Amino acid sequence: MANEVLNAALKYLANWYSQDNIEEIAIDTPGRVWLRLRGKREAPWVEEKDENLSREYLYDVMNIIANTYEVPFDPLEGTPVVYATLPGEHRFSGIAGKNVLYEVEDFEGGVALAIRTKKDTVDFDFKDYGLIKGKDLIALKGKEKAYSGKPWERLMEYIADGSHILISGATSTGKTTFLNNILKLLSPNLRIITIEDSRELIVPQKNRVHILLSRTQQLNKFTYKDVIDLVVRMTPDAIMGGEISTENAGAIWELMATGHKHFYSTIHAESAEGAYKSFIDRILHTFPELDQAKTLAEMKKKLKVVQIGREGNIRAITEIS
């Protein structure tokens, strides 16, 4: 019944995000929707009008999503944001209330949201990132060069020998999509454990466990510290971490030192060197006494970085460390 109510509420939004050529939709003003079109290098966002997307409707949708997934939502006195994975595994992020103002004189507050479609995860593979056997990487604008040295072969070698791999890039560069493609290359006989704050990884291996620790709703006292003890005892062949954050960086780094092969995760950074620095910066939030120089040296020995860039809607691997 709850899903029926939710699907009915999403009707007008689904008219947009369910289209085949849409990668993402965003709303910043009632009655207007921005569409990110797939495969557009220049001006990927297209503006459309839709009178059904009123302020009242968008508020109702956020309330229904929050009630369906039992997450807190109170723009006046509590949290004004909602994160959820909608039916069809589309990723929803929204904020409402006086933290959002459409105009300077608009004291009532508003709603802003974005929905990233699941189709983006299914349709892309390595060649869509310019990663092709025997070819150099694509040079994007703002990059001095395209890295050479047989990058496809280098990545295949890293995956084959069980190296730890960090997928780095800005928002919407396709980090999770790339990680899902790595999963397809791993043996179907491996035991996989995923550690995420929301379910995004698609694991084809049947022998798998998914561990969820939400950033926005902590259901119990289970923490990332507890995850370390649990995962080590579950003897995985490969560990897939979600996006590295200040909450989980220390635990992920500890897990990388437990002797397991095939550890993969993602991080927000603009370069491979920046990825190492960002990882260390996040670890410092829970381990301020960390020896940064020593840790950086250890990271560069055991952790490979795949850097993803984006120009419009064109994604490309720009560096493999």
Foldseek 3Di string as FASTA:
>chain_A
DLLVVLCVLCVVVCVQQVDPQFFKWKDQAFQKIWTQGAPDQPPRIDIDGDNVRGQVSQVVNQVSQCVSVVFDDDQPPDAQWDWDQHVQRKTKIKGWAQVRDPDPPRRGTGMIMMIGHLVVLVPDEQVLQVQDAPDFWDDDPPRPDTDDDGVNVVVVVCLVVQFEEEEEAAPPLCSLSHVLNSLVVDDLPFAEEEEEQYDDHDHPRPRYYYHHAHPRDGPDDDALVNVLVVVLVVDGQAYEYEEDALRNLLSLVVNLPPPHGHYYYYYYAQDPVRVLVVSVVSNCSVVVVDPSVVSSVVCVVRYWYFYWYGRRNRIHTRDID
